[in-house]
Amino acid sequence: MNLPDAETLCQELARKLRSGVTESTGFVGIRTGGAWLAERLQQELKLATPMGALDISFYRDDFDAAGLHHQVKPSQIPFDVNGRHVVVVDDVLYTGRTVRAAMNELFDYGRPGKIELAVLVDRGERQLPIAAQYVGATLAVPQGKLLRLARDERGTFSLRLSDAKSAA
C-alpha cells in the first residue's frame, strides 16, 4: 500500500486550520503522534498559547484488558482551558475511542468553550460518534493493519503501516 507523504499532509492540515484558529486557541496533542503533530502545527500557525499534551492511558476504556503502558508520561496543559477554544490533535482517527478518552481527561482540567478535533489521517471505521473538523487526508487502511505517525531524528514525519496486535 502506498502511503501519502506525512509532511505534505501536515502542511495541508495547517492550511485548513489557519482560518479556524486564533492566537488564543489552545492545541492539545494526544501522545505520542498527536503531540508531535500539535507541536509542528503550533509552530506553523504561530499560536501564542503554549501547546498541551495528554497521555490518555488511565482514561482508556480498555485499560483493564490492556494494562498500563510502560512509558506513561504526565499530561500537561499549560493554559487555562475554561472557556477557551481547544483543538485536540491526533495523528490517526480510527475507532474514536482515543479521542473520547482525551476529551474525558481534558474536562478534568476545566470546561472548554469549544472543542474541535484535528487529525493527520482519518481512516474511518468509527465505533463511537466522533468526527474531526480538520483532516489532512482520508485513507482506507486494510483491516488488521495499524497506521501510525513516525518522526525521525531530524523531526521529519512519515506514516508507517504495521500489523495490528491481536486483541487480548
Protein backbone atom coordinates (compact mmCIF):
# COMPACT_ATOMS: atom_id res chain seq x y z
CA MET A 1 0.00 0.00 0.00
CA ASN A 2 1.35 3.41 -0.99
CA LEU A 3 1.07 5.83 1.91
CA PRO A 4 0.80 9.58 1.40
CA ASP A 5 3.67 11.87 2.38
CA ALA A 6 3.10 12.86 6.03
CA GLU A 7 4.95 16.17 5.60
CA THR A 8 2.61 17.17 2.77
CA LEU A 9 -0.42 16.13 4.85
CA CYS A 10 0.84 18.22 7.76
CA GLN A 11 1.11 21.29 5.51
CA GLU A 12 -2.41 20.64 4.22
CA LEU A 13 -3.76 20.30 7.75
CA ALA A 14 -2.08 23.58 8.78
CA ARG A 15 -3.66 25.29 5.77
CA LYS A 16 -7.12 24.03 6.77
CA LEU A 17 -6.64 25.07 10.41
CA ARG A 18 -5.38 28.59 9.60
CA SER A 19 -8.85 30.09 9.14
CA GLY A 20 -10.37 28.30 12.15
CA VAL A 21 -7.96 29.26 14.93
CA THR A 22 -6.82 32.43 16.68
CA GLU A 23 -3.69 33.22 18.69
CA SER A 24 -5.56 32.23 21.85
CA THR A 25 -6.65 28.81 20.55
CA GLY A 26 -5.14 26.04 22.64
CA PHE A 27 -3.71 22.97 20.92
CA VAL A 28 -3.62 19.73 22.92
CA GLY A 29 -1.87 16.77 21.32
CA ILE A 30 -2.55 13.16 22.23
CA ARG A 31 0.76 11.40 22.95
CA THR A 32 2.72 10.40 21.05
CA GLY A 33 1.99 11.14 17.38
CA GLY A 34 -0.67 13.72 18.16
CA ALA A 35 1.70 15.62 20.44
CA TRP A 36 4.37 15.70 17.71
CA LEU A 37 1.78 16.93 15.23
CA ALA A 38 0.38 19.57 17.63
CA GLU A 39 3.90 20.88 18.24
CA ARG A 40 4.52 21.26 14.50
CA LEU A 41 1.11 22.87 13.87
CA GLN A 42 1.64 25.26 16.80
CA GLN A 43 4.87 26.46 15.16
CA GLU A 44 3.38 26.66 11.66
CA LEU A 45 0.38 28.69 12.81
CA LYS A 46 2.40 30.86 15.22
CA LEU A 47 -0.08 30.49 18.07
CA ALA A 48 0.64 32.42 21.28
CA THR A 49 -0.91 29.85 23.61
CA PRO A 50 1.59 27.16 24.63
CA MET A 51 0.77 23.64 23.45
CA GLY A 52 -0.53 20.95 25.81
CA ALA A 53 -0.12 17.17 25.67
CA LEU A 54 -2.32 14.39 27.02
CA ASP A 55 -1.37 10.84 27.91
CA ILE A 56 -4.76 9.14 27.96
CA SER A 57 -3.51 5.81 29.37
CA PHE A 58 -5.67 6.00 32.51
CA TYR A 59 -8.75 7.12 30.56
CA ARG A 60 -8.86 4.29 28.04
CA ASP A 61 -11.93 2.06 28.12
CA ASP A 62 -9.68 -0.97 27.53
CA PHE A 63 -7.35 -0.20 30.46
CA ASP A 64 -8.37 -3.37 32.33
CA ALA A 65 -7.54 -5.55 29.32
CA ALA A 66 -4.52 -3.67 28.00
CA GLY A 67 -2.94 -2.68 31.32
CA LEU A 68 -0.60 0.22 31.86
CA HIS A 69 1.72 1.19 29.03
CA HIS A 70 5.33 1.08 30.18
CA GLN A 71 6.05 4.64 29.06
CA VAL A 72 3.23 6.65 30.62
CA LYS A 73 4.13 10.35 30.68
CA PRO A 74 2.29 13.01 32.64
CA SER A 75 -0.28 15.09 30.83
CA GLN A 76 0.49 18.80 30.71
CA ILE A 77 -1.83 21.61 29.73
CA PRO A 78 -0.01 24.89 30.45
CA PHE A 79 -3.04 27.11 29.86
CA ASP A 80 -6.48 27.61 31.40
CA VAL A 81 -8.95 25.56 29.33
CA ASN A 82 -12.03 27.21 30.85
CA GLY A 83 -13.97 28.98 28.11
CA ARG A 84 -11.13 28.53 25.60
CA HIS A 85 -11.31 27.16 22.07
CA VAL A 86 -9.29 23.92 22.29
CA VAL A 87 -8.21 21.83 19.32
CA VAL A 88 -7.41 18.22 20.22
CA VAL A 89 -4.77 16.91 17.80
CA ASP A 90 -4.08 13.27 16.93
CA ASP A 91 -2.19 11.51 14.17
CA VAL A 92 -4.79 8.91 13.10
CA LEU A 93 -8.52 8.85 13.79
CA TYR A 94 -9.83 5.28 13.79
CA THR A 95 -12.46 3.98 16.23
CA GLY A 96 -12.92 7.26 18.13
CA ARG A 97 -12.07 5.70 21.49
CA THR A 98 -8.75 7.54 21.90
CA VAL A 99 -10.45 10.88 21.23
CA ARG A 100 -13.22 10.04 23.72
CA ALA A 101 -10.59 9.31 26.36
CA ALA A 102 -8.78 12.58 25.54
CA MET A 103 -11.98 14.60 25.94
CA ASN A 104 -12.70 12.92 29.28
CA GLU A 105 -9.24 13.88 30.52
CA LEU A 106 -9.50 17.39 29.07
CA PHE A 107 -12.61 18.05 31.16
CA ASP A 108 -10.59 17.23 34.28
CA TYR A 109 -8.70 20.47 33.51
CA GLY A 110 -11.84 22.60 33.16
CA ARG A 111 -14.71 23.37 30.80
CA PRO A 112 -13.55 24.47 27.34
CA GLY A 113 -15.77 26.89 25.43
CA LYS A 114 -15.38 24.76 22.30
CA ILE A 115 -13.51 21.56 21.43
CA GLU A 116 -12.55 20.66 17.87
CA LEU A 117 -10.55 17.75 16.51
CA ALA A 118 -7.68 17.88 14.01
CA VAL A 119 -6.15 14.67 12.62
CA LEU A 120 -3.50 13.96 10.04
CA VAL A 121 -5.37 10.89 8.72
CA ASP A 122 -8.96 9.73 9.14
CA ARG A 123 -9.10 6.01 8.39
CA GLY A 124 -12.83 5.60 9.12
CA GLU A 125 -14.37 2.56 10.82
CA ARG A 126 -15.68 4.52 13.84
CA GLN A 127 -17.09 2.71 16.88
CA LEU A 128 -18.18 5.98 18.53
CA PRO A 129 -19.86 9.10 17.08
CA ILE A 130 -16.63 11.12 16.81
CA ALA A 131 -15.75 13.28 13.79
CA ALA A 132 -12.76 15.50 13.02
CA GLN A 133 -13.35 19.08 11.92
CA TYR A 134 -9.88 19.27 10.33
CA VAL A 135 -8.42 16.33 8.36
CA GLY A 136 -5.18 16.13 6.39
CA ALA A 137 -6.42 13.13 4.37
CA THR A 138 -8.94 10.31 4.46
CA LEU A 139 -7.34 6.95 3.82
CA ALA A 140 -8.71 3.41 3.58
CA VAL A 141 -6.43 1.17 5.62
CA PRO A 142 -6.65 -2.62 5.25
CA GLN A 143 -8.33 -4.46 8.09
CA GLY A 144 -5.85 -5.83 10.62
CA LYS A 145 -3.36 -3.02 10.00
CA LEU A 146 -2.32 -0.10 12.21
CA LEU A 147 -1.37 3.28 10.78
CA ARG A 148 0.93 5.44 12.88
CA LEU A 149 2.93 8.62 12.56
CA ALA A 150 6.70 8.27 12.89
CA ARG A 151 9.27 11.04 13.41
CA ASP A 152 12.95 10.68 12.62
CA GLU A 153 15.88 12.30 14.42
CA ARG A 154 15.57 15.42 12.20
CA GLY A 155 11.88 15.78 13.07
CA THR A 156 10.63 14.65 9.66
CA PHE A 157 7.26 12.91 9.70
CA SER A 158 6.35 9.71 7.87
CA LEU A 159 3.44 7.28 8.04
CA ARG A 160 4.04 3.63 9.00
CA LEU A 161 1.76 0.67 8.43
CA SER A 162 2.10 -2.40 10.64
CA ASP A 163 0.16 -5.48 11.66
CA ALA A 164 -2.32 -4.92 14.47
CA LYS A 165 -1.73 -6.88 17.64
CA SER A 166 -4.36 -9.49 18.23
CA ALA A 167 -6.91 -8.42 20.85
CA ALA A 168 -6.33 -9.86 24.30
